[in-house]
Amino acid sequence: MKLFLNILLILFSINFTFSQIENLQNFDQQKIHFGYYIGINQYNYKLDYKSNPKRRTLIDQKAGLNVGLIGDLRLRKNLNLRFEPGLYTNKSDVIFYDRTNFEKNSDTLRTIKSTYIHLPLLIKYSANRYNNFKPYILGGLSTSYNLSSNQNSPEDNSNGTFRLKTNSFYYELGFGIDIYLHYFKFSPSIRGIFSLKNDLIDDNEQNSSWTGNIDSMSARGIFINLSFH
């Protein structure tokens, strides 16, 4: 995170110094252009319980990595359609509290290691350009394919396997700023994603100590991306 902030400060400082010269003046007139992005993510899960949660469950979030490509279609002035396929990796720890029937301490912890193919389709709406800066907002829908979901595993938490569904669907909302440098356009952005479905696969036993009291577990996360066009 500190590295990302330092890069942003350096680029803002350089661009502000030369802001009187308008870079890439015809860049936004292109009908189609392409780019790529790198970034970090942090996934969490919204938990809904079947009854009062006497058995609490906590999600300990870890930072992950995003890499991907950008395809941008200009619909009209200040309005673009974006397709941003990418590969996202992350890890979270699920901690189960107040389970008095657990025989081993290791039963209180499950680690979710996920590798997603993420496919968002987004609408980007930009403000008018001011010198070499142009803020924007974006939103849309996306789907992801979790390559390490364990959905088809016959084993569950009683065997140490925490299972999630392979496919998920989200809506996404975010904002960012286009910075026009001498040779390319640089676009830092922050985005939130919110799952539209329950991503949890219940354990085989209906009254499982791990998942029996959880009604739904929906993914949500924050992405910080640095885009280059």
Protein backbone atom coordinates (compact mmCIF):
# COMPACT_ATOMS: atom_id res chain seq x y z
CA MET A 1 0.00 0.00 0.00
CA LYS A 2 2.80 2.46 0.86
CA LEU A 3 4.51 1.70 -2.46
CA PHE A 4 1.31 2.50 -4.36
CA LEU A 5 0.87 5.80 -2.51
CA ASN A 6 4.49 6.78 -3.18
CA ILE A 7 4.08 6.10 -6.90
CA LEU A 8 0.95 8.24 -6.98
CA LEU A 9 2.64 11.13 -5.17
CA ILE A 10 5.61 11.06 -7.55
CA LEU A 11 3.41 11.02 -10.65
CA PHE A 12 1.14 13.77 -9.34
CA SER A 13 4.18 15.92 -8.53
CA ILE A 14 5.73 15.43 -11.97
CA ASN A 15 2.47 16.07 -13.78
CA PHE A 16 1.61 19.13 -11.68
CA THR A 17 4.98 20.65 -12.54
CA PHE A 18 4.25 20.39 -16.26
CA SER A 19 0.49 20.89 -16.06
CA GLN A 20 0.63 23.97 -18.28
CA ILE A 21 1.47 21.68 -21.23
CA GLU A 22 -1.47 19.51 -22.25
CA ASN A 23 -0.29 15.98 -22.98
CA LEU A 24 -1.94 13.45 -25.32
CA GLN A 25 -4.46 15.98 -26.57
CA ASN A 26 -6.19 13.59 -28.99
CA PHE A 27 -6.06 10.48 -26.81
CA ASP A 28 -9.75 10.52 -25.88
CA GLN A 29 -10.85 10.76 -29.51
CA GLN A 30 -9.94 7.11 -30.11
CA LYS A 31 -12.93 4.83 -30.65
CA ILE A 32 -11.15 1.86 -29.08
CA HIS A 33 -8.00 1.68 -27.01
CA PHE A 34 -6.33 -0.90 -24.78
CA GLY A 35 -4.28 -1.00 -21.62
CA TYR A 36 -3.37 -3.08 -18.60
CA TYR A 37 -3.49 -2.78 -14.82
CA ILE A 38 -1.82 -4.03 -11.67
CA GLY A 39 -3.15 -3.62 -8.17
CA ILE A 40 -4.00 -4.98 -4.77
CA ASN A 41 -7.24 -6.34 -3.35
CA GLN A 42 -8.75 -7.21 0.00
CA TYR A 43 -11.69 -9.59 0.14
CA ASN A 44 -14.14 -9.88 3.01
CA TYR A 45 -17.43 -11.75 3.47
CA LYS A 46 -20.78 -10.55 4.74
CA LEU A 47 -22.17 -13.19 7.09
CA ASP A 48 -25.89 -13.65 7.76
CA TYR A 49 -26.91 -16.07 10.49
CA LYS A 50 -29.94 -18.34 10.78
CA SER A 51 -30.46 -17.28 14.40
CA ASN A 52 -28.69 -15.15 16.97
CA PRO A 53 -24.99 -15.84 16.40
CA LYS A 54 -24.03 -17.54 19.63
CA ARG A 55 -21.26 -19.19 17.62
CA ARG A 56 -19.38 -16.24 16.15
CA THR A 57 -17.35 -16.38 12.95
CA LEU A 58 -14.68 -13.83 12.04
CA ILE A 59 -13.03 -13.20 8.68
CA ASP A 60 -9.38 -12.08 8.89
CA GLN A 61 -8.58 -10.36 5.59
CA LYS A 62 -5.24 -10.46 3.77
CA ALA A 63 -4.05 -8.36 0.85
CA GLY A 64 -3.95 -9.96 -2.59
CA LEU A 65 -2.73 -9.13 -6.10
CA ASN A 66 -4.60 -8.04 -9.26
CA VAL A 67 -3.28 -8.12 -12.85
CA GLY A 68 -5.29 -7.75 -16.01
CA LEU A 69 -6.03 -6.16 -19.36
CA ILE A 70 -8.31 -3.28 -20.36
CA GLY A 71 -10.44 -2.87 -23.46
CA ASP A 72 -12.11 0.55 -23.71
CA LEU A 73 -14.87 1.50 -26.18
CA ARG A 74 -15.80 5.19 -26.53
CA LEU A 75 -19.60 5.46 -26.66
CA ARG A 76 -19.73 9.26 -26.70
CA LYS A 77 -17.95 12.16 -25.05
CA ASN A 78 -17.18 11.32 -21.40
CA LEU A 79 -18.92 7.91 -21.62
CA ASN A 80 -17.01 4.66 -22.18
CA LEU A 81 -17.68 0.94 -21.98
CA ARG A 82 -14.89 -1.03 -20.29
CA PHE A 83 -14.02 -4.73 -20.24
CA GLU A 84 -11.28 -5.57 -17.74
CA PRO A 85 -10.52 -9.33 -17.57
CA GLY A 86 -7.98 -10.15 -14.89
CA LEU A 87 -6.41 -12.67 -12.56
CA TYR A 88 -6.89 -11.98 -8.83
CA THR A 89 -5.30 -13.85 -5.94
CA ASN A 90 -5.99 -13.46 -2.23
CA LYS A 91 -6.14 -15.26 1.10
CA SER A 92 -8.47 -14.98 4.10
CA ASP A 93 -8.61 -16.75 7.44
CA VAL A 94 -11.99 -17.86 8.78
CA ILE A 95 -11.93 -18.06 12.58
CA PHE A 96 -14.69 -19.94 14.42
CA TYR A 97 -15.32 -18.81 18.00
CA ASP A 98 -17.38 -20.37 20.82
CA ARG A 99 -17.45 -23.93 19.46
CA THR A 100 -17.30 -25.90 22.69
CA ASN A 101 -17.42 -29.26 20.93
CA PHE A 102 -14.18 -28.80 18.98
CA GLU A 103 -11.62 -31.40 19.98
CA LYS A 104 -8.59 -29.74 18.33
CA ASN A 105 -7.47 -26.13 18.32
CA SER A 106 -6.90 -26.39 14.57
CA ASP A 107 -10.67 -26.83 14.08
CA THR A 108 -11.18 -23.14 14.92
CA LEU A 109 -9.30 -21.94 11.82
CA ARG A 110 -9.82 -22.43 8.09
CA THR A 111 -7.76 -20.66 5.43
CA ILE A 112 -9.34 -19.64 2.13
CA LYS A 113 -6.79 -19.35 -0.69
CA SER A 114 -8.49 -18.09 -3.85
CA THR A 115 -7.41 -17.50 -7.42
CA TYR A 116 -10.08 -15.77 -9.50
CA ILE A 117 -10.53 -15.17 -13.19
CA HIS A 118 -12.46 -11.92 -12.89
CA LEU A 119 -14.59 -10.58 -15.77
CA PRO A 120 -16.14 -7.13 -15.23
CA LEU A 121 -18.18 -5.12 -17.76
CA LEU A 122 -18.28 -1.49 -16.66
CA ILE A 123 -19.61 1.92 -17.66
CA LYS A 124 -17.17 4.77 -17.09
CA TYR A 125 -18.46 8.34 -16.85
CA SER A 126 -15.83 11.10 -16.83
CA ALA A 127 -15.88 14.76 -15.96
CA ASN A 128 -14.48 17.24 -18.45
CA ARG A 129 -10.72 17.24 -18.71
CA TYR A 130 -8.83 19.93 -16.79
CA ASN A 131 -5.27 20.33 -18.07
CA ASN A 132 -3.82 16.82 -17.63
CA PHE A 133 -6.39 15.50 -15.17
CA LYS A 134 -9.85 13.99 -15.58
CA PRO A 135 -11.77 12.37 -12.67
CA TYR A 136 -14.30 9.65 -13.34
CA ILE A 137 -16.74 7.25 -11.74
CA LEU A 138 -17.58 3.76 -12.93
CA GLY A 139 -19.95 0.93 -12.20
CA GLY A 140 -21.23 -2.29 -13.64
CA LEU A 141 -21.58 -6.03 -13.26
CA SER A 142 -19.01 -8.79 -13.13
CA THR A 143 -18.57 -12.50 -12.74
CA SER A 144 -15.65 -14.52 -11.47
CA TYR A 145 -14.45 -18.10 -11.68
CA ASN A 146 -12.65 -19.31 -8.56
CA LEU A 147 -9.99 -21.83 -9.60
CA SER A 148 -9.52 -23.02 -6.00
CA SER A 149 -13.08 -23.06 -4.66
CA ASN A 150 -13.28 -26.75 -3.59
CA GLN A 151 -16.92 -26.74 -4.76
CA ASN A 152 -16.81 -30.31 -6.04
CA SER A 153 -14.87 -31.73 -3.11
CA PRO A 154 -16.77 -34.47 -1.21
CA GLU A 155 -14.86 -33.45 1.92
CA ASP A 156 -16.02 -30.60 4.14
CA ASN A 157 -14.88 -28.83 7.30
CA SER A 158 -14.92 -32.05 9.29
CA ASN A 159 -12.02 -33.08 7.04
CA GLY A 160 -10.41 -29.63 7.08
CA THR A 161 -11.87 -28.43 3.74
CA PHE A 162 -13.73 -25.11 3.55
CA ARG A 163 -15.86 -24.96 0.40
CA LEU A 164 -17.00 -22.00 -1.69
CA LYS A 165 -18.93 -21.86 -4.94
CA THR A 166 -16.88 -21.68 -8.10
CA ASN A 167 -18.88 -18.95 -9.85
CA SER A 168 -19.98 -15.68 -8.32
CA PHE A 169 -21.72 -12.54 -9.60
CA TYR A 170 -21.13 -8.98 -8.39
CA TYR A 171 -21.99 -5.36 -8.87
CA GLU A 172 -19.09 -2.91 -8.78
CA LEU A 173 -18.79 0.80 -7.98
CA GLY A 174 -15.68 2.93 -8.03
CA PHE A 175 -13.91 6.16 -8.86
CA GLY A 176 -10.56 7.26 -10.17
CA ILE A 177 -8.64 9.89 -12.08
CA ASP A 178 -7.02 9.89 -15.53
CA ILE A 179 -3.59 11.52 -15.52
CA TYR A 180 -2.23 12.39 -18.96
CA LEU A 181 1.54 11.98 -19.01
CA HIS A 182 3.86 12.66 -21.92
CA TYR A 183 3.81 9.14 -23.41
CA PHE A 184 0.81 7.40 -21.80
CA LYS A 185 -2.28 7.84 -19.65
CA PHE A 186 -2.06 6.68 -16.05
CA SER A 187 -5.27 5.95 -14.11
CA PRO A 188 -5.32 5.06 -10.39
CA SER A 189 -8.71 3.90 -9.14
CA ILE A 190 -10.49 2.48 -6.09
CA ARG A 191 -13.40 0.08 -6.51
CA GLY A 192 -15.77 -1.84 -4.29
CA ILE A 193 -17.34 -5.15 -5.34
CA PHE A 194 -20.38 -6.80 -3.77
CA SER A 195 -21.58 -10.36 -4.40
CA LEU A 196 -25.18 -10.87 -5.49
CA LYS A 197 -25.39 -14.47 -4.21
CA ASN A 198 -24.48 -16.75 -1.34
CA ASP A 199 -20.95 -18.04 -1.98
CA LEU A 200 -20.87 -20.64 0.79
CA ILE A 201 -21.34 -24.38 0.33
CA ASP A 202 -22.71 -25.86 3.54
CA ASP A 203 -21.10 -28.82 5.21
CA ASN A 204 -22.60 -32.26 4.59
CA GLU A 205 -24.03 -32.38 8.12
CA GLN A 206 -26.97 -30.00 8.48
CA ASN A 207 -26.07 -28.95 12.04
CA SER A 208 -22.36 -28.64 11.36
CA SER A 209 -20.45 -26.69 14.01
CA TRP A 210 -18.74 -24.71 11.23
CA THR A 211 -21.54 -23.77 8.82
CA GLY A 212 -24.77 -24.93 10.50
CA ASN A 213 -25.67 -21.49 11.85
CA ILE A 214 -24.58 -19.50 8.78
CA ASP A 215 -27.45 -18.61 6.45
CA SER A 216 -25.31 -16.93 3.77
CA MET A 217 -21.76 -15.79 3.18
CA SER A 218 -21.44 -13.17 0.43
CA ALA A 219 -18.11 -11.90 -0.88
CA ARG A 220 -17.26 -8.24 -1.02
CA GLY A 221 -13.97 -6.51 -1.51
CA ILE A 222 -11.93 -3.43 -2.31
CA PHE A 223 -9.65 -3.13 -5.34
CA ILE A 224 -6.93 -0.51 -5.79
CA ASN A 225 -5.73 -0.60 -9.39
CA LEU A 226 -3.03 1.31 -11.28
CA SER A 227 -3.94 1.36 -14.98
CA PHE A 228 -1.71 2.20 -17.93
CA HIS A 229 -3.08 3.07 -21.41
